[in-house]
Amino acid sequence: MSETSEIGVLYTEHSALTAMTPVLSLWSYETCVRGRNRRSVTLTADGSREYWLERSDPLLNTILPGTCVSLIVNFGDDWAVGRSLATREVMPRACVVGPWTHPGVLRLGRSVRALGAVVPTTLTPGIFGVSASELTDHIVPLRDLWTRGDVEMFTEALSSVEIRRCPLVLKDALIARIGQPDTHETVEQMALRLISLRGGRVSINGIARSHGVSRQQFARRFCAAAGLPPKLFARITRFQKLVRVLLSSDVSQWVSMSPALGFYDQAHMINEFRAFTGSPPTVFFRPHDGDIDPSTIQLRRRPSEWLCRATPAAEIPPKLTSA
């Protein structure tokens, strides 16, 4: 990440809390002043990973396609989301985001304090009382899925503890609603697991044939469980893996990555990335609302590390000092 400002958002992935649970991810967002010694990525004593993000970071300003279901609880200023800046709407304070198939614009409030959980679509009926297909490309207020009493009890339990303990409370609340899982794995559940494990590199026809069902029958059952057709699910899964790889790789390495990630060539990889984000990687990963100095855009380092133009002294806002 670049070092152009001192105030940003601390994103924490609470990995230890999800171990041996059906919850895929637990995370929290918090407005944070960057101290002089804080690194961009920090591994904490409890096994969590902290990522310090500038407000201009594209990952704070975009909703990307995904295959899972997320529960988000916002205790800070309002967030707004939409397909464009002109179509943004305020997100509910507590909401459920279904599987997502297109890029969206996200704007966080000035004061950020939020947390969330990501669960597989197969758990959606047990936790939220609806199928994943009913949530696809929708942001639904939690009050529309749970009773008023359950929502109030849930939000009060979260608001009564500090942000660091909130993920534990959130995890316990979700697991309590899951109940006793069914140990029998259906064809569609196996396919979901296999596609995710292999990063989208599977043959849909091969899976259907190996289980003695037609492609059409398999597609119907899969879509009911995942909220997405199997081919689109595989494409988004592959795209998600691509994003993770690009974030951790030097730009000069991107050209050689396409075959290992399941793309025919570099052009195929860039076209798929553009289809799911609206722009090629070297444009998407630039800091949003930043004035990039063209002389720093080179085939090296990560785009988020490209330097912005120097700001005239009269335009530099007063800096906050860390405690």
C-alpha atoms as a PDB file:
ATOM      1  CA  MET A   1       0.000   0.000   0.000  1.00  0.00           C
ATOM      2  CA  SER A   2       1.133   3.551  -0.556  1.00  0.00           C
ATOM      3  CA  GLU A   3       2.253   5.844   2.216  1.00  0.00           C
ATOM      4  CA  THR A   4       0.456   9.015   1.066  1.00  0.00           C
ATOM      5  CA  SER A   5      -1.771   9.513   4.119  1.00  0.00           C
ATOM      6  CA  GLU A   6      -1.940   8.613   7.793  1.00  0.00           C
ATOM      7  CA  ILE A   7      -5.657   7.982   8.288  1.00  0.00           C
ATOM      8  CA  GLY A   8      -7.314   4.996   6.705  1.00  0.00           C
ATOM      9  CA  VAL A   9      -9.225   1.823   7.468  1.00  0.00           C
ATOM     10  CA  LEU A  10      -7.917  -1.180   9.372  1.00  0.00           C
ATOM     11  CA  TYR A  11      -9.318  -4.364   7.852  1.00  0.00           C
ATOM     12  CA  THR A  12      -8.915  -7.413  10.092  1.00  0.00           C
ATOM     13  CA  GLU A  13      -9.454 -10.978   8.953  1.00  0.00           C
ATOM     14  CA  HIS A  14     -10.203 -12.996  12.107  1.00  0.00           C
ATOM     15  CA  SER A  15      -8.925 -16.308  10.754  1.00  0.00           C
ATOM     16  CA  ALA A  16      -8.541 -18.125  14.058  1.00  0.00           C
ATOM     17  CA  LEU A  17     -12.228 -17.737  14.885  1.00  0.00           C
ATOM     18  CA  THR A  18     -13.354 -19.550  11.732  1.00  0.00           C
ATOM     19  CA  ALA A  19     -11.107 -22.579  12.124  1.00  0.00           C
ATOM     20  CA  MET A  20     -13.111 -25.821  12.357  1.00  0.00           C
ATOM     21  CA  THR A  21     -16.386 -23.953  11.761  1.00  0.00           C
ATOM     22  CA  PRO A  22     -18.650 -23.716   8.690  1.00  0.00           C
ATOM     23  CA  VAL A  23     -18.157 -19.923   8.648  1.00  0.00           C
ATOM     24  CA  LEU A  24     -15.811 -19.025   5.792  1.00  0.00           C
ATOM     25  CA  SER A  25     -14.671 -15.604   6.972  1.00  0.00           C
ATOM     26  CA  LEU A  26     -15.061 -13.129   9.822  1.00  0.00           C
ATOM     27  CA  TRP A  27     -13.830  -9.575   9.324  1.00  0.00           C
ATOM     28  CA  SER A  28     -14.001  -6.094  10.815  1.00  0.00           C
ATOM     29  CA  TYR A  29     -13.452  -2.554   9.492  1.00  0.00           C
ATOM     30  CA  GLU A  30     -12.273   0.270  11.711  1.00  0.00           C
ATOM     31  CA  THR A  31     -11.137   3.839  11.077  1.00  0.00           C
ATOM     32  CA  CYS A  32      -7.473   3.892  12.020  1.00  0.00           C
ATOM     33  CA  VAL A  33      -4.635   6.397  12.242  1.00  0.00           C
ATOM     34  CA  ARG A  34      -1.487   4.810  10.905  1.00  0.00           C
ATOM     35  CA  GLY A  35       1.394   4.962  13.326  1.00  0.00           C
ATOM     36  CA  ARG A  36       4.928   5.345  12.074  1.00  0.00           C
ATOM     37  CA  ASN A  37       5.776   1.683  12.663  1.00  0.00           C
ATOM     38  CA  ARG A  38       2.560   0.084  11.375  1.00  0.00           C
ATOM     39  CA  ARG A  39       3.063  -2.185   8.400  1.00  0.00           C
ATOM     40  CA  SER A  40       0.588  -2.614   5.560  1.00  0.00           C
ATOM     41  CA  VAL A  41      -0.003  -6.231   6.634  1.00  0.00           C
ATOM     42  CA  THR A  42       0.427  -7.458  10.218  1.00  0.00           C
ATOM     43  CA  LEU A  43      -0.020 -10.928  11.698  1.00  0.00           C
ATOM     44  CA  THR A  44      -1.369 -10.591  15.241  1.00  0.00           C
ATOM     45  CA  ALA A  45      -0.705 -12.846  18.226  1.00  0.00           C
ATOM     46  CA  ASP A  46      -4.131 -14.531  17.913  1.00  0.00           C
ATOM     47  CA  GLY A  47      -3.555 -15.462  14.264  1.00  0.00           C
ATOM     48  CA  SER A  48      -5.588 -12.646  12.718  1.00  0.00           C
ATOM     49  CA  ARG A  49      -4.290 -10.589   9.808  1.00  0.00           C
ATOM     50  CA  GLU A  50      -4.570  -6.803   9.837  1.00  0.00           C
ATOM     51  CA  TYR A  51      -4.480  -4.849   6.589  1.00  0.00           C
ATOM     52  CA  TRP A  52      -4.039  -1.082   6.723  1.00  0.00           C
ATOM     53  CA  LEU A  53      -5.891   0.421   3.733  1.00  0.00           C
ATOM     54  CA  GLU A  54      -5.964   3.979   2.496  1.00  0.00           C
ATOM     55  CA  ARG A  55      -9.406   5.412   1.805  1.00  0.00           C
ATOM     56  CA  SER A  56      -8.497   5.531  -1.894  1.00  0.00           C
ATOM     57  CA  ASP A  57      -7.769   1.793  -2.045  1.00  0.00           C
ATOM     58  CA  PRO A  58      -9.970   0.189  -4.745  1.00  0.00           C
ATOM     59  CA  LEU A  59     -10.896  -2.669  -2.423  1.00  0.00           C
ATOM     60  CA  LEU A  60     -12.660  -0.147  -0.152  1.00  0.00           C
ATOM     61  CA  ASN A  61     -14.533   1.434  -3.044  1.00  0.00           C
ATOM     62  CA  THR A  62     -15.854  -1.554  -4.962  1.00  0.00           C
ATOM     63  CA  ILE A  63     -18.153  -4.524  -4.533  1.00  0.00           C
ATOM     64  CA  LEU A  64     -16.756  -7.386  -6.579  1.00  0.00           C
ATOM     65  CA  PRO A  65     -18.550 -10.498  -7.836  1.00  0.00           C
ATOM     66  CA  GLY A  66     -18.616 -13.314  -5.299  1.00  0.00           C
ATOM     67  CA  THR A  67     -20.147 -16.738  -4.800  1.00  0.00           C
ATOM     68  CA  CYS A  68     -20.990 -16.658  -1.085  1.00  0.00           C
ATOM     69  CA  VAL A  69     -23.447 -14.881   1.217  1.00  0.00           C
ATOM     70  CA  SER A  70     -22.341 -12.122   3.606  1.00  0.00           C
ATOM     71  CA  LEU A  71     -23.894 -10.688   6.738  1.00  0.00           C
ATOM     72  CA  ILE A  72     -22.793  -7.091   7.377  1.00  0.00           C
ATOM     73  CA  VAL A  73     -23.427  -4.995  10.482  1.00  0.00           C
ATOM     74  CA  ASN A  74     -22.474  -1.305  10.334  1.00  0.00           C
ATOM     75  CA  PHE A  75     -22.057   0.715  13.534  1.00  0.00           C
ATOM     76  CA  GLY A  76     -20.348   3.699  11.883  1.00  0.00           C
ATOM     77  CA  ASP A  77     -21.477   6.256   9.327  1.00  0.00           C
ATOM     78  CA  ASP A  78     -23.744   5.153   6.481  1.00  0.00           C
ATOM     79  CA  TRP A  79     -22.427   3.237   3.480  1.00  0.00           C
ATOM     80  CA  ALA A  80     -23.781   3.704  -0.042  1.00  0.00           C
ATOM     81  CA  VAL A  81     -23.702   1.152  -2.857  1.00  0.00           C
ATOM     82  CA  GLY A  82     -24.886   0.945  -6.444  1.00  0.00           C
ATOM     83  CA  ARG A  83     -23.908   0.117 -10.003  1.00  0.00           C
ATOM     84  CA  SER A  84     -22.604   3.671 -10.436  1.00  0.00           C
ATOM     85  CA  LEU A  85     -22.113   6.864  -8.448  1.00  0.00           C
ATOM     86  CA  ALA A  86     -25.455   8.132  -9.751  1.00  0.00           C
ATOM     87  CA  THR A  87     -27.419   5.043  -8.637  1.00  0.00           C
ATOM     88  CA  ARG A  88     -25.999   4.606  -5.139  1.00  0.00           C
ATOM     89  CA  GLU A  89     -28.392   3.887  -2.275  1.00  0.00           C
ATOM     90  CA  VAL A  90     -27.757   3.754   1.469  1.00  0.00           C
ATOM     91  CA  MET A  91     -27.106   0.226   2.717  1.00  0.00           C
ATOM     92  CA  PRO A  92     -29.173  -1.021   5.653  1.00  0.00           C
ATOM     93  CA  ARG A  93     -27.319  -1.001   8.971  1.00  0.00           C
ATOM     94  CA  ALA A  94     -27.659  -4.775   9.246  1.00  0.00           C
ATOM     95  CA  CYS A  95     -28.014  -6.547   5.923  1.00  0.00           C
ATOM     96  CA  VAL A  96     -27.384  -9.718   3.966  1.00  0.00           C
ATOM     97  CA  VAL A  97     -25.564  -9.587   0.629  1.00  0.00           C
ATOM     98  CA  GLY A  98     -26.225 -12.502  -1.691  1.00  0.00           C
ATOM     99  CA  PRO A  99     -24.040 -14.007  -4.400  1.00  0.00           C
ATOM    100  CA  TRP A 100     -22.925 -11.127  -6.615  1.00  0.00           C
ATOM    101  CA  THR A 101     -22.452 -11.193 -10.403  1.00  0.00           C
ATOM    102  CA  HIS A 102     -21.449  -7.637 -11.369  1.00  0.00           C
ATOM    103  CA  PRO A 103     -19.139  -4.886 -10.084  1.00  0.00           C
ATOM    104  CA  GLY A 104     -20.613  -2.177  -7.877  1.00  0.00           C
ATOM    105  CA  VAL A 105     -19.526   1.165  -6.455  1.00  0.00           C
ATOM    106  CA  LEU A 106     -19.154   1.346  -2.668  1.00  0.00           C
ATOM    107  CA  ARG A 107     -18.688   4.462  -0.569  1.00  0.00           C
ATOM    108  CA  LEU A 108     -17.895   4.119   3.119  1.00  0.00           C
ATOM    109  CA  GLY A 109     -18.850   6.796   5.620  1.00  0.00           C
ATOM    110  CA  ARG A 110     -16.218   9.029   7.190  1.00  0.00           C
ATOM    111  CA  SER A 111     -16.236   7.101  10.462  1.00  0.00           C
ATOM    112  CA  VAL A 112     -15.897   3.363   9.777  1.00  0.00           C
ATOM    113  CA  ARG A 113     -16.859   0.699  12.304  1.00  0.00           C
ATOM    114  CA  ALA A 114     -18.343  -2.461  10.873  1.00  0.00           C
ATOM    115  CA  LEU A 115     -18.037  -6.228  10.879  1.00  0.00           C
ATOM    116  CA  GLY A 116     -19.191  -9.082   8.761  1.00  0.00           C
ATOM    117  CA  ALA A 117     -19.284 -12.803   8.176  1.00  0.00           C
ATOM    118  CA  VAL A 118     -19.151 -14.853   4.997  1.00  0.00           C
ATOM    119  CA  VAL A 119     -20.972 -18.188   4.803  1.00  0.00           C
ATOM    120  CA  PRO A 120     -21.404 -20.742   2.008  1.00  0.00           C
ATOM    121  CA  THR A 121     -24.669 -20.624   0.110  1.00  0.00           C
ATOM    122  CA  THR A 122     -25.613 -24.103   1.327  1.00  0.00           C
ATOM    123  CA  LEU A 123     -26.094 -22.659   4.830  1.00  0.00           C
ATOM    124  CA  THR A 124     -28.326 -19.796   3.675  1.00  0.00           C
ATOM    125  CA  PRO A 125     -31.680 -21.568   4.250  1.00  0.00           C
ATOM    126  CA  GLY A 126     -30.724 -22.545   7.806  1.00  0.00           C
ATOM    127  CA  ILE A 127     -29.342 -19.156   8.811  1.00  0.00           C
ATOM    128  CA  PHE A 128     -31.593 -16.757   6.917  1.00  0.00           C
ATOM    129  CA  GLY A 129     -34.634 -18.843   6.000  1.00  0.00           C
ATOM    130  CA  VAL A 130     -34.337 -18.295   2.233  1.00  0.00           C
ATOM    131  CA  SER A 131     -32.483 -19.970  -0.616  1.00  0.00           C
ATOM    132  CA  ALA A 132     -29.334 -18.435  -2.079  1.00  0.00           C
ATOM    133  CA  SER A 133     -31.136 -17.881  -5.381  1.00  0.00           C
ATOM    134  CA  GLU A 134     -33.523 -15.464  -3.630  1.00  0.00           C
ATOM    135  CA  LEU A 135     -30.546 -13.339  -2.530  1.00  0.00           C
ATOM    136  CA  THR A 136     -28.526 -13.260  -5.757  1.00  0.00           C
ATOM    137  CA  ASP A 137     -27.532  -9.671  -6.631  1.00  0.00           C
ATOM    138  CA  HIS A 138     -29.612  -8.366  -3.715  1.00  0.00           C
ATOM    139  CA  ILE A 139     -28.810  -6.520  -0.499  1.00  0.00           C
ATOM    140  CA  VAL A 140     -31.589  -7.434   1.949  1.00  0.00           C
ATOM    141  CA  PRO A 141     -32.186  -5.829   5.369  1.00  0.00           C
ATOM    142  CA  LEU A 142     -31.688  -8.411   8.097  1.00  0.00           C
ATOM    143  CA  ARG A 143     -35.075  -7.422   9.547  1.00  0.00           C
ATOM    144  CA  ASP A 144     -36.709  -8.864   6.393  1.00  0.00           C
ATOM    145  CA  LEU A 145     -35.206 -12.297   7.115  1.00  0.00           C
ATOM    146  CA  TRP A 146     -35.218 -12.550  10.920  1.00  0.00           C
ATOM    147  CA  THR A 147     -37.902 -11.650  13.418  1.00  0.00           C
ATOM    148  CA  ARG A 148     -37.772  -8.188  14.970  1.00  0.00           C
ATOM    149  CA  GLY A 149     -36.911  -9.690  18.339  1.00  0.00           C
ATOM    150  CA  ASP A 150     -34.045 -11.737  16.917  1.00  0.00           C
ATOM    151  CA  VAL A 151     -32.589  -8.724  15.109  1.00  0.00           C
ATOM    152  CA  GLU A 152     -32.787  -6.533  18.229  1.00  0.00           C
ATOM    153  CA  MET A 153     -31.215  -9.218  20.426  1.00  0.00           C
ATOM    154  CA  PHE A 154     -28.451  -9.749  17.848  1.00  0.00           C
ATOM    155  CA  THR A 155     -27.557  -6.076  17.347  1.00  0.00           C
ATOM    156  CA  GLU A 156     -27.718  -5.344  21.094  1.00  0.00           C
ATOM    157  CA  ALA A 157     -25.310  -8.212  21.807  1.00  0.00           C
ATOM    158  CA  LEU A 158     -22.868  -6.759  19.280  1.00  0.00           C
ATOM    159  CA  SER A 159     -23.179  -3.135  20.375  1.00  0.00           C
ATOM    160  CA  SER A 160     -22.549  -4.038  24.021  1.00  0.00           C
ATOM    161  CA  VAL A 161     -18.971  -5.251  23.414  1.00  0.00           C
ATOM    162  CA  GLU A 162     -15.881  -3.628  21.943  1.00  0.00           C
ATOM    163  CA  ILE A 163     -15.227  -4.044  18.225  1.00  0.00           C
ATOM    164  CA  ARG A 164     -12.453  -6.567  18.841  1.00  0.00           C
ATOM    165  CA  ARG A 165     -14.864  -9.000  20.534  1.00  0.00           C
ATOM    166  CA  CYS A 166     -17.712  -8.478  18.083  1.00  0.00           C
ATOM    167  CA  PRO A 167     -16.545 -11.137  15.574  1.00  0.00           C
ATOM    168  CA  LEU A 168     -16.700 -13.799  18.304  1.00  0.00           C
ATOM    169  CA  VAL A 169     -20.266 -12.779  19.181  1.00  0.00           C
ATOM    170  CA  LEU A 170     -21.185 -12.772  15.495  1.00  0.00           C
ATOM    171  CA  LYS A 171     -19.701 -16.220  14.940  1.00  0.00           C
ATOM    172  CA  ASP A 172     -21.555 -17.719  17.927  1.00  0.00           C
ATOM    173  CA  ALA A 173     -24.837 -16.202  16.767  1.00  0.00           C
ATOM    174  CA  LEU A 174     -24.486 -17.697  13.282  1.00  0.00           C
ATOM    175  CA  ILE A 175     -23.456 -21.143  14.473  1.00  0.00           C
ATOM    176  CA  ALA A 176     -26.414 -21.212  16.869  1.00  0.00           C
ATOM    177  CA  ARG A 177     -28.755 -20.726  13.894  1.00  0.00           C
ATOM    178  CA  ILE A 178     -27.111 -23.380  11.726  1.00  0.00           C
ATOM    179  CA  GLY A 179     -28.090 -26.222  14.039  1.00  0.00           C
ATOM    180  CA  GLN A 180     -27.039 -29.802  13.377  1.00  0.00           C
ATOM    181  CA  PRO A 181     -25.544 -30.045   9.878  1.00  0.00           C
ATOM    182  CA  ASP A 182     -26.589 -32.803   7.487  1.00  0.00           C
ATOM    183  CA  THR A 183     -23.602 -35.123   7.032  1.00  0.00           C
ATOM    184  CA  HIS A 184     -24.902 -36.428   3.683  1.00  0.00           C
ATOM    185  CA  GLU A 185     -23.278 -34.494   0.832  1.00  0.00           C
ATOM    186  CA  THR A 186     -25.467 -33.996  -2.234  1.00  0.00           C
ATOM    187  CA  VAL A 187     -24.161 -33.833  -5.790  1.00  0.00           C
ATOM    188  CA  GLU A 188     -24.513 -30.070  -5.897  1.00  0.00           C
ATOM    189  CA  GLN A 189     -22.775 -29.636  -2.528  1.00  0.00           C
ATOM    190  CA  MET A 190     -19.893 -31.799  -3.715  1.00  0.00           C
ATOM    191  CA  ALA A 191     -19.685 -29.757  -6.905  1.00  0.00           C
ATOM    192  CA  LEU A 192     -19.625 -26.485  -4.951  1.00  0.00           C
ATOM    193  CA  ARG A 193     -16.773 -27.771  -2.816  1.00  0.00           C
ATOM    194  CA  LEU A 194     -14.843 -29.153  -5.808  1.00  0.00           C
ATOM    195  CA  ILE A 195     -15.146 -25.985  -7.891  1.00  0.00           C
ATOM    196  CA  SER A 196     -14.051 -23.830  -4.962  1.00  0.00           C
ATOM    197  CA  LEU A 197     -11.142 -26.152  -4.146  1.00  0.00           C
ATOM    198  CA  ARG A 198      -9.888 -26.128  -7.735  1.00  0.00           C
ATOM    199  CA  GLY A 199     -10.342 -22.401  -8.274  1.00  0.00           C
ATOM    200  CA  GLY A 200     -13.012 -22.850 -10.944  1.00  0.00           C
ATOM    201  CA  ARG A 201     -10.918 -25.228 -13.062  1.00  0.00           C
ATOM    202  CA  VAL A 202     -13.391 -28.087 -13.500  1.00  0.00           C
ATOM    203  CA  SER A 203     -15.541 -29.618 -16.220  1.00  0.00           C
ATOM    204  CA  ILE A 204     -19.230 -29.060 -15.515  1.00  0.00           C
ATOM    205  CA  ASN A 205     -20.193 -31.762 -18.008  1.00  0.00           C
ATOM    206  CA  GLY A 206     -17.728 -34.133 -16.365  1.00  0.00           C
ATOM    207  CA  ILE A 207     -19.253 -33.632 -12.922  1.00  0.00           C
ATOM    208  CA  ALA A 208     -22.770 -34.239 -14.254  1.00  0.00           C
ATOM    209  CA  ARG A 209     -21.733 -37.401 -16.147  1.00  0.00           C
ATOM    210  CA  SER A 210     -19.819 -38.835 -13.198  1.00  0.00           C
ATOM    211  CA  HIS A 211     -22.989 -38.668 -11.076  1.00  0.00           C
ATOM    212  CA  GLY A 212     -25.327 -40.016 -13.744  1.00  0.00           C
ATOM    213  CA  VAL A 213     -27.431 -36.878 -14.200  1.00  0.00           C
ATOM    214  CA  SER A 214     -28.022 -34.730 -17.243  1.00  0.00           C
ATOM    215  CA  ARG A 215     -26.331 -31.362 -17.550  1.00  0.00           C
ATOM    216  CA  GLN A 216     -29.727 -29.620 -17.392  1.00  0.00           C
ATOM    217  CA  GLN A 217     -30.801 -31.470 -14.245  1.00  0.00           C
ATOM    218  CA  PHE A 218     -27.452 -30.829 -12.596  1.00  0.00           C
ATOM    219  CA  ALA A 219     -27.580 -27.123 -13.525  1.00  0.00           C
ATOM    220  CA  ARG A 220     -31.057 -26.738 -11.952  1.00  0.00           C
ATOM    221  CA  ARG A 221     -30.015 -28.401  -8.702  1.00  0.00           C
ATOM    222  CA  PHE A 222     -26.730 -26.501  -8.568  1.00  0.00           C
ATOM    223  CA  CYS A 223     -28.389 -23.131  -9.162  1.00  0.00           C
ATOM    224  CA  ALA A 224     -30.907 -23.797  -6.398  1.00  0.00           C
ATOM    225  CA  ALA A 225     -28.064 -24.501  -3.957  1.00  0.00           C
ATOM    226  CA  ALA A 226     -25.578 -21.844  -5.107  1.00  0.00           C
ATOM    227  CA  GLY A 227     -27.809 -19.081  -6.442  1.00  0.00           C
ATOM    228  CA  LEU A 228     -25.719 -19.116  -9.630  1.00  0.00           C
ATOM    229  CA  PRO A 229     -25.484 -21.358 -12.710  1.00  0.00           C
ATOM    230  CA  PRO A 230     -22.518 -23.753 -12.436  1.00  0.00           C
ATOM    231  CA  LYS A 231     -20.525 -22.181 -15.285  1.00  0.00           C
ATOM    232  CA  LEU A 232     -20.901 -18.662 -13.885  1.00  0.00           C
ATOM    233  CA  PHE A 233     -20.068 -19.947 -10.389  1.00  0.00           C
ATOM    234  CA  ALA A 234     -16.846 -21.464 -11.764  1.00  0.00           C
ATOM    235  CA  ARG A 235     -15.944 -18.261 -13.622  1.00  0.00           C
ATOM    236  CA  ILE A 236     -16.440 -16.087 -10.535  1.00  0.00           C
ATOM    237  CA  THR A 237     -14.488 -18.564  -8.401  1.00  0.00           C
ATOM    238  CA  ARG A 238     -11.597 -18.362 -10.866  1.00  0.00           C
ATOM    239  CA  PHE A 239     -11.864 -14.560 -10.895  1.00  0.00           C
ATOM    240  CA  GLN A 240     -11.720 -14.412  -7.085  1.00  0.00           C
ATOM    241  CA  LYS A 241      -8.539 -16.495  -7.092  1.00  0.00           C
ATOM    242  CA  LEU A 242      -7.096 -14.198  -9.760  1.00  0.00           C
ATOM    243  CA  VAL A 243      -7.755 -11.117  -7.609  1.00  0.00           C
ATOM    244  CA  ARG A 244      -5.994 -12.687  -4.621  1.00  0.00           C
ATOM    245  CA  VAL A 245      -2.979 -13.608  -6.756  1.00  0.00           C
ATOM    246  CA  LEU A 246      -2.722 -10.183  -8.387  1.00  0.00           C
ATOM    247  CA  LEU A 247      -2.901  -8.456  -5.006  1.00  0.00           C
ATOM    248  CA  SER A 248       0.121 -10.367  -3.767  1.00  0.00           C
ATOM    249  CA  SER A 249       2.208 -10.328  -6.949  1.00  0.00           C
ATOM    250  CA  ASP A 250       4.556  -7.973  -8.711  1.00  0.00           C
ATOM    251  CA  VAL A 251       3.029  -6.481 -11.880  1.00  0.00           C
ATOM    252  CA  SER A 252       5.906  -7.844 -13.939  1.00  0.00           C
ATOM    253  CA  GLN A 253       4.762 -11.399 -13.078  1.00  0.00           C
ATOM    254  CA  TRP A 254       1.193 -10.996 -14.317  1.00  0.00           C
ATOM    255  CA  VAL A 255       1.971 -11.896 -17.930  1.00  0.00           C
ATOM    256  CA  SER A 256       3.015 -15.451 -17.040  1.00  0.00           C
ATOM    257  CA  MET A 257       0.165 -16.203 -14.617  1.00  0.00           C
ATOM    258  CA  SER A 258      -2.726 -16.930 -16.983  1.00  0.00           C
ATOM    259  CA  PRO A 259      -2.133 -20.677 -17.692  1.00  0.00           C
ATOM    260  CA  ALA A 260      -1.671 -21.583 -14.019  1.00  0.00           C
ATOM    261  CA  LEU A 261      -4.964 -19.864 -13.149  1.00  0.00           C
ATOM    262  CA  GLY A 262      -6.980 -21.612 -15.870  1.00  0.00           C
ATOM    263  CA  PHE A 263      -6.972 -18.945 -18.589  1.00  0.00           C
ATOM    264  CA  TYR A 264      -6.051 -19.655 -22.220  1.00  0.00           C
ATOM    265  CA  ASP A 265      -3.673 -16.722 -22.407  1.00  0.00           C
ATOM    266  CA  GLN A 266      -3.079 -13.213 -21.057  1.00  0.00           C
ATOM    267  CA  ALA A 267      -5.800 -11.695 -23.265  1.00  0.00           C
ATOM    268  CA  HIS A 268      -8.366 -14.163 -21.896  1.00  0.00           C
ATOM    269  CA  MET A 269      -7.316 -13.342 -18.330  1.00  0.00           C
ATOM    270  CA  ILE A 270      -7.584  -9.575 -18.887  1.00  0.00           C
ATOM    271  CA  ASN A 271     -10.959  -9.902 -20.639  1.00  0.00           C
ATOM    272  CA  GLU A 272     -12.378 -11.944 -17.753  1.00  0.00           C
ATOM    273  CA  PHE A 273     -11.041  -9.451 -15.224  1.00  0.00           C
ATOM    274  CA  ARG A 274     -12.591  -6.589 -17.202  1.00  0.00           C
ATOM    275  CA  ALA A 275     -15.923  -8.440 -17.420  1.00  0.00           C
ATOM    276  CA  PHE A 276     -16.150  -8.675 -13.622  1.00  0.00           C
ATOM    277  CA  THR A 277     -14.681  -5.276 -12.666  1.00  0.00           C
ATOM    278  CA  GLY A 278     -15.284  -2.980 -15.641  1.00  0.00           C
ATOM    279  CA  SER A 279     -11.573  -2.288 -16.214  1.00  0.00           C
ATOM    280  CA  PRO A 280      -8.250  -4.108 -16.755  1.00  0.00           C
ATOM    281  CA  PRO A 281      -6.120  -4.943 -13.685  1.00  0.00           C
ATOM    282  CA  THR A 282      -3.610  -2.103 -14.139  1.00  0.00           C
ATOM    283  CA  VAL A 283      -6.495   0.392 -14.084  1.00  0.00           C
ATOM    284  CA  PHE A 284      -8.662  -1.221 -11.407  1.00  0.00           C
ATOM    285  CA  PHE A 285      -5.927  -1.522  -8.790  1.00  0.00           C
ATOM    286  CA  ARG A 286      -4.884   2.127  -8.971  1.00  0.00           C
ATOM    287  CA  PRO A 287      -5.950   4.144  -5.930  1.00  0.00           C
ATOM    288  CA  HIS A 288      -9.431   5.558  -6.528  1.00  0.00           C
ATOM    289  CA  ASP A 289      -9.719   9.349  -6.646  1.00  0.00           C
ATOM    290  CA  GLY A 290      -5.931   9.522  -6.767  1.00  0.00           C
ATOM    291  CA  ASP A 291      -3.908  11.614  -9.193  1.00  0.00           C
ATOM    292  CA  ILE A 292      -1.401   9.061 -10.481  1.00  0.00           C
ATOM    293  CA  ASP A 293       1.944  10.317 -11.712  1.00  0.00           C
ATOM    294  CA  PRO A 294       2.357   8.654 -15.152  1.00  0.00           C
ATOM    295  CA  SER A 295       6.110   8.400 -14.655  1.00  0.00           C
ATOM    296  CA  THR A 296       5.567   5.939 -11.789  1.00  0.00           C
ATOM    297  CA  ILE A 297       3.356   3.543 -13.780  1.00  0.00           C
ATOM    298  CA  GLN A 298       5.795   0.805 -14.691  1.00  0.00           C
ATOM    299  CA  LEU A 299       5.730  -2.957 -14.986  1.00  0.00           C
ATOM    300  CA  ARG A 300       6.967  -3.457 -11.453  1.00  0.00           C
ATOM    301  CA  ARG A 301       5.508  -3.536  -7.949  1.00  0.00           C
ATOM    302  CA  ARG A 302       1.752  -3.507  -7.279  1.00  0.00           C
ATOM    303  CA  PRO A 303      -0.449  -0.735  -8.771  1.00  0.00           C
ATOM    304  CA  SER A 304      -1.567   0.283  -5.273  1.00  0.00           C
ATOM    305  CA  GLU A 305       2.056   1.169  -4.596  1.00  0.00           C
ATOM    306  CA  TRP A 306       2.317   3.547  -7.541  1.00  0.00           C
ATOM    307  CA  LEU A 307       2.962   7.051  -6.313  1.00  0.00           C
ATOM    308  CA  CYS A 308       0.512   9.921  -6.654  1.00  0.00           C
ATOM    309  CA  ARG A 309       1.502  13.367  -7.852  1.00  0.00           C
ATOM    310  CA  ALA A 310       2.911  15.597  -5.154  1.00  0.00           C
ATOM    311  CA  THR A 311       0.142  17.752  -3.679  1.00  0.00           C
ATOM    312  CA  PRO A 312       0.844  21.497  -3.440  1.00  0.00           C
ATOM    313  CA  ALA A 313       1.415  22.565   0.147  1.00  0.00           C
ATOM    314  CA  ALA A 314      -1.710  24.732   0.157  1.00  0.00           C
ATOM    315  CA  GLU A 315      -3.860  21.666  -0.670  1.00  0.00           C
ATOM    316  CA  ILE A 316      -2.424  19.293   1.920  1.00  0.00           C
ATOM    317  CA  PRO A 317      -4.951  18.781   4.756  1.00  0.00           C
ATOM    318  CA  PRO A 318      -3.691  18.876   8.331  1.00  0.00           C
ATOM    319  CA  LYS A 319      -2.366  15.483   9.362  1.00  0.00           C
ATOM    320  CA  LEU A 320      -3.600  13.568  12.343  1.00  0.00           C
ATOM    321  CA  THR A 321      -1.063  12.427  14.881  1.00  0.00           C
ATOM    322  CA  SER A 322      -1.132   8.918  16.250  1.00  0.00           C
ATOM    323  CA  ALA A 323      -1.728   8.361  19.916  1.00  0.00           C
END
